[in-house]
Amino acid sequence: MSRKRLCCLDSKEYVEKGGLRCPYCNRSDIEGDLIVETDVGIAWQNMSCIDCNAEWRDEYTLTGYSTFGEDDE
């Protein structure tokens, strides 16, 4: 992962924007790896910015569950 200096968004601001902007340059041309890695109660995904080539990791936490299937009518 690159070690570019954060200039635009801290972690709280990044989350408030829904993770849809690069925390380094604040542009929206970002993409995530296809693989989301998981462990007990957490998950993470490597992200990158097409515009400034920065890389970072999005972190997810378990907040609950929902059901799906025949009983979900």
PDB file of N, CA and C in Angstrom:
ATOM      1  N   MET A   1       0.837  -1.180   0.000  1.00  0.00           N
ATOM      2  CA  MET A   1       0.000   0.000   0.000  1.00  0.00           C
ATOM      3  C   MET A   1       0.882   1.243   0.000  1.00  0.00           C
ATOM      4  N   SER A   2       0.428   2.255  -0.709  1.00  0.00           N
ATOM      5  CA  SER A   2       1.204   3.479  -0.750  1.00  0.00           C
ATOM      6  C   SER A   2       1.119   4.214   0.576  1.00  0.00           C
ATOM      7  N   ARG A   3       2.086   5.056   0.834  1.00  0.00           N
ATOM      8  CA  ARG A   3       2.129   5.834   2.068  1.00  0.00           C
ATOM      9  C   ARG A   3       1.976   7.317   1.745  1.00  0.00           C
ATOM     10  N   LYS A   4       1.093   7.648   0.814  1.00  0.00           N
ATOM     11  CA  LYS A   4       0.842   9.046   0.498  1.00  0.00           C
ATOM     12  C   LYS A   4       0.284   9.742   1.720  1.00  0.00           C
ATOM     13  N   ARG A   5       0.534  11.017   1.808  1.00  0.00           N
ATOM     14  CA  ARG A   5       0.053  11.799   2.943  1.00  0.00           C
ATOM     15  C   ARG A   5      -1.416  12.174   2.741  1.00  0.00           C
ATOM     16  N   LEU A   6      -2.212  11.938   3.777  1.00  0.00           N
ATOM     17  CA  LEU A   6      -3.617  12.331   3.726  1.00  0.00           C
ATOM     18  C   LEU A   6      -3.707  13.848   3.666  1.00  0.00           C
ATOM     19  N   CYS A   7      -4.507  14.357   2.758  1.00  0.00           N
ATOM     20  CA  CYS A   7      -4.635  15.801   2.669  1.00  0.00           C
ATOM     21  C   CYS A   7      -6.079  16.261   2.708  1.00  0.00           C
ATOM     22  N   CYS A   8      -6.984  15.375   2.503  1.00  0.00           N
ATOM     23  CA  CYS A   8      -8.356  15.840   2.299  1.00  0.00           C
ATOM     24  C   CYS A   8      -9.368  15.312   3.307  1.00  0.00           C
ATOM     25  N   LEU A   9      -9.391  14.039   3.551  1.00  0.00           N
ATOM     26  CA  LEU A   9     -10.423  13.448   4.405  1.00  0.00           C
ATOM     27  C   LEU A   9      -9.797  12.634   5.518  1.00  0.00           C
ATOM     28  N   ASP A  10     -10.228  12.871   6.752  1.00  0.00           N
ATOM     29  CA  ASP A  10      -9.839  11.964   7.818  1.00  0.00           C
ATOM     30  C   ASP A  10     -10.833  10.796   7.819  1.00  0.00           C
ATOM     31  N   SER A  11     -10.629   9.831   8.677  1.00  0.00           N
ATOM     32  CA  SER A  11     -11.452   8.619   8.670  1.00  0.00           C
ATOM     33  C   SER A  11     -12.940   8.931   8.882  1.00  0.00           C
ATOM     34  N   LYS A  12     -13.242   9.830   9.799  1.00  0.00           N
ATOM     35  CA  LYS A  12     -14.635  10.186  10.073  1.00  0.00           C
ATOM     36  C   LYS A  12     -15.288  10.830   8.847  1.00  0.00           C
ATOM     37  N   GLU A  13     -14.596  11.740   8.185  1.00  0.00           N
ATOM     38  CA  GLU A  13     -15.130  12.396   6.993  1.00  0.00           C
ATOM     39  C   GLU A  13     -15.321  11.391   5.860  1.00  0.00           C
ATOM     40  N   TYR A  14     -14.385  10.458   5.740  1.00  0.00           N
ATOM     41  CA  TYR A  14     -14.474   9.418   4.714  1.00  0.00           C
ATOM     42  C   TYR A  14     -15.754   8.597   4.901  1.00  0.00           C
ATOM     43  N   VAL A  15     -16.015   8.196   6.142  1.00  0.00           N
ATOM     44  CA  VAL A  15     -17.223   7.423   6.435  1.00  0.00           C
ATOM     45  C   VAL A  15     -18.473   8.258   6.182  1.00  0.00           C
ATOM     46  N   GLU A  16     -18.468   9.527   6.600  1.00  0.00           N
ATOM     47  CA  GLU A  16     -19.618  10.409   6.382  1.00  0.00           C
ATOM     48  C   GLU A  16     -19.947  10.560   4.903  1.00  0.00           C
ATOM     49  N   LYS A  17     -18.950  10.473   4.042  1.00  0.00           N
ATOM     50  CA  LYS A  17     -19.159  10.563   2.598  1.00  0.00           C
ATOM     51  C   LYS A  17     -19.460   9.197   1.987  1.00  0.00           C
ATOM     52  N   GLY A  18     -19.666   8.191   2.845  1.00  0.00           N
ATOM     53  CA  GLY A  18     -20.034   6.859   2.370  1.00  0.00           C
ATOM     54  C   GLY A  18     -18.896   6.086   1.748  1.00  0.00           C
ATOM     55  N   GLY A  19     -17.657   6.525   1.961  1.00  0.00           N
ATOM     56  CA  GLY A  19     -16.514   5.834   1.369  1.00  0.00           C
ATOM     57  C   GLY A  19     -16.452   5.986  -0.139  1.00  0.00           C
ATOM     58  N   LEU A  20     -17.071   7.032  -0.661  1.00  0.00           N
ATOM     59  CA  LEU A  20     -17.162   7.209  -2.111  1.00  0.00           C
ATOM     60  C   LEU A  20     -16.167   8.210  -2.682  1.00  0.00           C
ATOM     61  N   ARG A  21     -15.243   8.707  -1.841  1.00  0.00           N
ATOM     62  CA  ARG A  21     -14.248   9.665  -2.301  1.00  0.00           C
ATOM     63  C   ARG A  21     -12.876   9.250  -1.782  1.00  0.00           C
ATOM     64  N   CYS A  22     -11.864   9.527  -2.552  1.00  0.00           N
ATOM     65  CA  CYS A  22     -10.499   9.219  -2.147  1.00  0.00           C
ATOM     66  C   CYS A  22     -10.125  10.079  -0.935  1.00  0.00           C
ATOM     67  N   PRO A  23      -9.613   9.473   0.136  1.00  0.00           N
ATOM     68  CA  PRO A  23      -9.233  10.258   1.302  1.00  0.00           C
ATOM     69  C   PRO A  23      -7.970  11.094   1.071  1.00  0.00           C
ATOM     70  N   TYR A  24      -7.278  10.865  -0.018  1.00  0.00           N
ATOM     71  CA  TYR A  24      -6.045  11.595  -0.316  1.00  0.00           C
ATOM     72  C   TYR A  24      -6.284  12.808  -1.213  1.00  0.00           C
ATOM     73  N   CYS A  25      -7.119  12.651  -2.254  1.00  0.00           N
ATOM     74  CA  CYS A  25      -7.329  13.764  -3.194  1.00  0.00           C
ATOM     75  C   CYS A  25      -8.793  14.215  -3.260  1.00  0.00           C
ATOM     76  N   ASN A  26      -9.685  13.491  -2.579  1.00  0.00           N
ATOM     77  CA  ASN A  26     -11.112  13.819  -2.504  1.00  0.00           C
ATOM     78  C   ASN A  26     -11.833  13.676  -3.841  1.00  0.00           C
ATOM     79  N   ARG A  27     -11.274  12.923  -4.765  1.00  0.00           N
ATOM     80  CA  ARG A  27     -11.936  12.673  -6.049  1.00  0.00           C
ATOM     81  C   ARG A  27     -12.736  11.377  -5.937  1.00  0.00           C
ATOM     82  N   SER A  28     -13.653  11.182  -6.846  1.00  0.00           N
ATOM     83  CA  SER A  28     -14.575  10.043  -6.745  1.00  0.00           C
ATOM     84  C   SER A  28     -14.209   8.856  -7.626  1.00  0.00           C
ATOM     85  N   ASP A  29     -13.118   8.919  -8.358  1.00  0.00           N
ATOM     86  CA  ASP A  29     -12.739   7.822  -9.253  1.00  0.00           C
ATOM     87  C   ASP A  29     -11.934   6.779  -8.482  1.00  0.00           C
ATOM     88  N   ILE A  30     -12.636   6.023  -7.635  1.00  0.00           N
ATOM     89  CA  ILE A  30     -11.981   5.010  -6.810  1.00  0.00           C
ATOM     90  C   ILE A  30     -12.521   3.633  -7.145  1.00  0.00           C
ATOM     91  N   GLU A  31     -11.749   2.615  -6.799  1.00  0.00           N
ATOM     92  CA  GLU A  31     -12.195   1.238  -7.020  1.00  0.00           C
ATOM     93  C   GLU A  31     -11.658   0.348  -5.917  1.00  0.00           C
ATOM     94  N   GLY A  32     -12.385  -0.742  -5.680  1.00  0.00           N
ATOM     95  CA  GLY A  32     -11.981  -1.704  -4.671  1.00  0.00           C
ATOM     96  C   GLY A  32     -11.635  -3.042  -5.282  1.00  0.00           C
ATOM     97  N   ASP A  33     -10.769  -3.783  -4.597  1.00  0.00           N
ATOM     98  CA  ASP A  33     -10.474  -5.148  -5.026  1.00  0.00           C
ATOM     99  C   ASP A  33     -11.772  -5.950  -5.050  1.00  0.00           C
ATOM    100  N   LEU A  34     -11.824  -6.951  -5.882  1.00  0.00           N
ATOM    101  CA  LEU A  34     -13.006  -7.806  -5.953  1.00  0.00           C
ATOM    102  C   LEU A  34     -13.152  -8.674  -4.710  1.00  0.00           C
ATOM    103  N   ILE A  35     -12.056  -8.898  -4.022  1.00  0.00           N
ATOM    104  CA  ILE A  35     -12.069  -9.765  -2.844  1.00  0.00           C
ATOM    105  C   ILE A  35     -12.232  -8.928  -1.583  1.00  0.00           C
ATOM    106  N   VAL A  36     -13.209  -9.288  -0.773  1.00  0.00           N
ATOM    107  CA  VAL A  36     -13.371  -8.694   0.551  1.00  0.00           C
ATOM    108  C   VAL A  36     -12.943  -9.768   1.544  1.00  0.00           C
ATOM    109  N   GLU A  37     -11.909  -9.476   2.325  1.00  0.00           N
ATOM    110  CA  GLU A  37     -11.401 -10.447   3.291  1.00  0.00           C
ATOM    111  C   GLU A  37     -12.174 -10.309   4.591  1.00  0.00           C
ATOM    112  N   THR A  38     -12.316 -11.432   5.309  1.00  0.00           N
ATOM    113  CA  THR A  38     -13.111 -11.422   6.535  1.00  0.00           C
ATOM    114  C   THR A  38     -12.391 -12.133   7.672  1.00  0.00           C
ATOM    115  N   ASP A  39     -12.802 -11.768   8.876  1.00  0.00           N
ATOM    116  CA  ASP A  39     -12.403 -12.429  10.105  1.00  0.00           C
ATOM    117  C   ASP A  39     -13.603 -12.319  11.033  1.00  0.00           C
ATOM    118  N   VAL A  40     -13.507 -12.756  12.236  1.00  0.00           N
ATOM    119  CA  VAL A  40     -14.629 -12.764  13.163  1.00  0.00           C
ATOM    120  C   VAL A  40     -15.148 -11.339  13.377  1.00  0.00           C
ATOM    121  N   GLY A  41     -16.342 -11.049  12.864  1.00  0.00           N
ATOM    122  CA  GLY A  41     -16.994  -9.765  13.078  1.00  0.00           C
ATOM    123  C   GLY A  41     -16.467  -8.583  12.293  1.00  0.00           C
ATOM    124  N   ILE A  42     -15.459  -8.795  11.435  1.00  0.00           N
ATOM    125  CA  ILE A  42     -14.894  -7.694  10.656  1.00  0.00           C
ATOM    126  C   ILE A  42     -14.628  -8.142   9.219  1.00  0.00           C
ATOM    127  N   ALA A  43     -14.495  -7.177   8.344  1.00  0.00           N
ATOM    128  CA  ALA A  43     -14.106  -7.434   6.957  1.00  0.00           C
ATOM    129  C   ALA A  43     -13.323  -6.225   6.465  1.00  0.00           C
ATOM    130  N   TRP A  44     -12.528  -6.397   5.419  1.00  0.00           N
ATOM    131  CA  TRP A  44     -11.758  -5.300   4.870  1.00  0.00           C
ATOM    132  C   TRP A  44     -11.559  -5.520   3.383  1.00  0.00           C
ATOM    133  N   GLN A  45     -11.353  -4.414   2.686  1.00  0.00           N
ATOM    134  CA  GLN A  45     -11.196  -4.436   1.234  1.00  0.00           C
ATOM    135  C   GLN A  45     -10.154  -3.405   0.844  1.00  0.00           C
ATOM    136  N   ASN A  46      -9.203  -3.796   0.014  1.00  0.00           N
ATOM    137  CA  ASN A  46      -8.202  -2.863  -0.486  1.00  0.00           C
ATOM    138  C   ASN A  46      -8.837  -1.960  -1.532  1.00  0.00           C
ATOM    139  N   MET A  47      -8.562  -0.669  -1.418  1.00  0.00           N
ATOM    140  CA  MET A  47      -9.136   0.338  -2.299  1.00  0.00           C
ATOM    141  C   MET A  47      -8.006   1.106  -2.980  1.00  0.00           C
ATOM    142  N   SER A  48      -8.317   1.751  -4.101  1.00  0.00           N
ATOM    143  CA  SER A  48      -7.327   2.587  -4.772  1.00  0.00           C
ATOM    144  C   SER A  48      -8.023   3.709  -5.536  1.00  0.00           C
ATOM    145  N   CYS A  49      -7.264   4.759  -5.778  1.00  0.00           N
ATOM    146  CA  CYS A  49      -7.753   5.915  -6.509  1.00  0.00           C
ATOM    147  C   CYS A  49      -7.128   5.930  -7.898  1.00  0.00           C
ATOM    148  N   ILE A  50      -7.955   6.026  -8.906  1.00  0.00           N
ATOM    149  CA  ILE A  50      -7.465   6.074 -10.284  1.00  0.00           C
ATOM    150  C   ILE A  50      -6.748   7.399 -10.544  1.00  0.00           C
ATOM    151  N   ASP A  51      -7.212   8.480  -9.913  1.00  0.00           N
ATOM    152  CA  ASP A  51      -6.661   9.807 -10.182  1.00  0.00           C
ATOM    153  C   ASP A  51      -5.277  10.026  -9.575  1.00  0.00           C
ATOM    154  N   CYS A  52      -5.097   9.677  -8.291  1.00  0.00           N
ATOM    155  CA  CYS A  52      -3.809   9.990  -7.641  1.00  0.00           C
ATOM    156  C   CYS A  52      -2.999   8.745  -7.280  1.00  0.00           C
ATOM    157  N   ASN A  53      -3.493   7.558  -7.609  1.00  0.00           N
ATOM    158  CA  ASN A  53      -2.808   6.281  -7.373  1.00  0.00           C
ATOM    159  C   ASN A  53      -2.637   5.931  -5.899  1.00  0.00           C
ATOM    160  N   ALA A  54      -3.378   6.578  -5.009  1.00  0.00           N
ATOM    161  CA  ALA A  54      -3.306   6.242  -3.587  1.00  0.00           C
ATOM    162  C   ALA A  54      -3.972   4.889  -3.334  1.00  0.00           C
ATOM    163  N   GLU A  55      -3.550   4.235  -2.280  1.00  0.00           N
ATOM    164  CA  GLU A  55      -4.133   2.958  -1.871  1.00  0.00           C
ATOM    165  C   GLU A  55      -4.436   3.014  -0.384  1.00  0.00           C
ATOM    166  N   TRP A  56      -5.535   2.387   0.027  1.00  0.00           N
ATOM    167  CA  TRP A  56      -5.923   2.315   1.428  1.00  0.00           C
ATOM    168  C   TRP A  56      -6.827   1.112   1.610  1.00  0.00           C
ATOM    169  N   ARG A  57      -7.232   0.865   2.828  1.00  0.00           N
ATOM    170  CA  ARG A  57      -8.071  -0.294   3.133  1.00  0.00           C
ATOM    171  C   ARG A  57      -9.375   0.189   3.767  1.00  0.00           C
ATOM    172  N   ASP A  58     -10.505  -0.192   3.175  1.00  0.00           N
ATOM    173  CA  ASP A  58     -11.805   0.047   3.802  1.00  0.00           C
ATOM    174  C   ASP A  58     -12.021  -1.032   4.852  1.00  0.00           C
ATOM    175  N   GLU A  59     -12.575  -0.643   5.996  1.00  0.00           N
ATOM    176  CA  GLU A  59     -12.814  -1.573   7.095  1.00  0.00           C
ATOM    177  C   GLU A  59     -14.311  -1.628   7.386  1.00  0.00           C
ATOM    178  N   TYR A  60     -14.836  -2.824   7.568  1.00  0.00           N
ATOM    179  CA  TYR A  60     -16.256  -3.040   7.821  1.00  0.00           C
ATOM    180  C   TYR A  60     -16.418  -3.805   9.128  1.00  0.00           C
ATOM    181  N   THR A  61     -17.492  -3.496   9.857  1.00  0.00           N
ATOM    182  CA  THR A  61     -17.799  -4.230  11.083  1.00  0.00           C
ATOM    183  C   THR A  61     -19.202  -4.809  10.986  1.00  0.00           C
ATOM    184  N   LEU A  62     -19.401  -5.922  11.637  1.00  0.00           N
ATOM    185  CA  LEU A  62     -20.695  -6.584  11.658  1.00  0.00           C
ATOM    186  C   LEU A  62     -21.672  -5.759  12.491  1.00  0.00           C
ATOM    187  N   THR A  63     -22.824  -5.422  11.914  1.00  0.00           N
ATOM    188  CA  THR A  63     -23.821  -4.619  12.630  1.00  0.00           C
ATOM    189  C   THR A  63     -25.132  -5.367  12.838  1.00  0.00           C
ATOM    190  N   GLY A  64     -25.247  -6.555  12.290  1.00  0.00           N
ATOM    191  CA  GLY A  64     -26.472  -7.333  12.419  1.00  0.00           C
ATOM    192  C   GLY A  64     -26.576  -8.301  11.259  1.00  0.00           C
ATOM    193  N   TYR A  65     -27.778  -8.811  11.056  1.00  0.00           N
ATOM    194  CA  TYR A  65     -28.004  -9.707   9.928  1.00  0.00           C
ATOM    195  C   TYR A  65     -29.430  -9.545   9.438  1.00  0.00           C
ATOM    196  N   SER A  66     -29.680 -10.020   8.236  1.00  0.00           N
ATOM    197  CA  SER A  66     -31.027 -10.057   7.698  1.00  0.00           C
ATOM    198  C   SER A  66     -31.221 -11.410   7.043  1.00  0.00           C
ATOM    199  N   THR A  67     -32.441 -11.834   6.961  1.00  0.00           N
ATOM    200  CA  THR A  67     -32.746 -13.123   6.352  1.00  0.00           C
ATOM    201  C   THR A  67     -33.171 -12.914   4.908  1.00  0.00           C
ATOM    202  N   PHE A  68     -33.137 -13.980   4.141  1.00  0.00           N
ATOM    203  CA  PHE A  68     -33.609 -13.933   2.774  1.00  0.00           C
ATOM    204  C   PHE A  68     -34.117 -15.324   2.400  1.00  0.00           C
ATOM    205  N   GLY A  69     -34.906 -15.375   1.369  1.00  0.00           N
ATOM    206  CA  GLY A  69     -35.421 -16.657   0.929  1.00  0.00           C
ATOM    207  C   GLY A  69     -36.933 -16.689   0.984  1.00  0.00           C
ATOM    208  N   GLU A  70     -37.488 -17.898   1.065  1.00  0.00           N
ATOM    209  CA  GLU A  70     -38.934 -18.108   0.991  1.00  0.00           C
ATOM    210  C   GLU A  70     -39.691 -17.393   2.110  1.00  0.00           C
ATOM    211  N   ASP A  71     -39.133 -17.288   3.285  1.00  0.00           N
ATOM    212  CA  ASP A  71     -39.827 -16.702   4.426  1.00  0.00           C
ATOM    213  C   ASP A  71     -39.808 -15.172   4.421  1.00  0.00           C
ATOM    214  N   ASP A  72     -39.186 -14.550   3.442  1.00  0.00           N
ATOM    215  CA  ASP A  72     -39.026 -13.091   3.404  1.00  0.00           C
ATOM    216  C   ASP A  72     -40.110 -12.400   2.578  1.00  0.00           C
ATOM    217  N   GLU A  73     -41.322 -12.726   2.753  1.00  0.00           N
ATOM    218  CA  GLU A  73     -42.379 -12.103   1.956  1.00  0.00           C
ATOM    219  C   GLU A  73     -43.063 -11.017   2.683  1.00  0.00           C
TER     220      GLU A  73
END
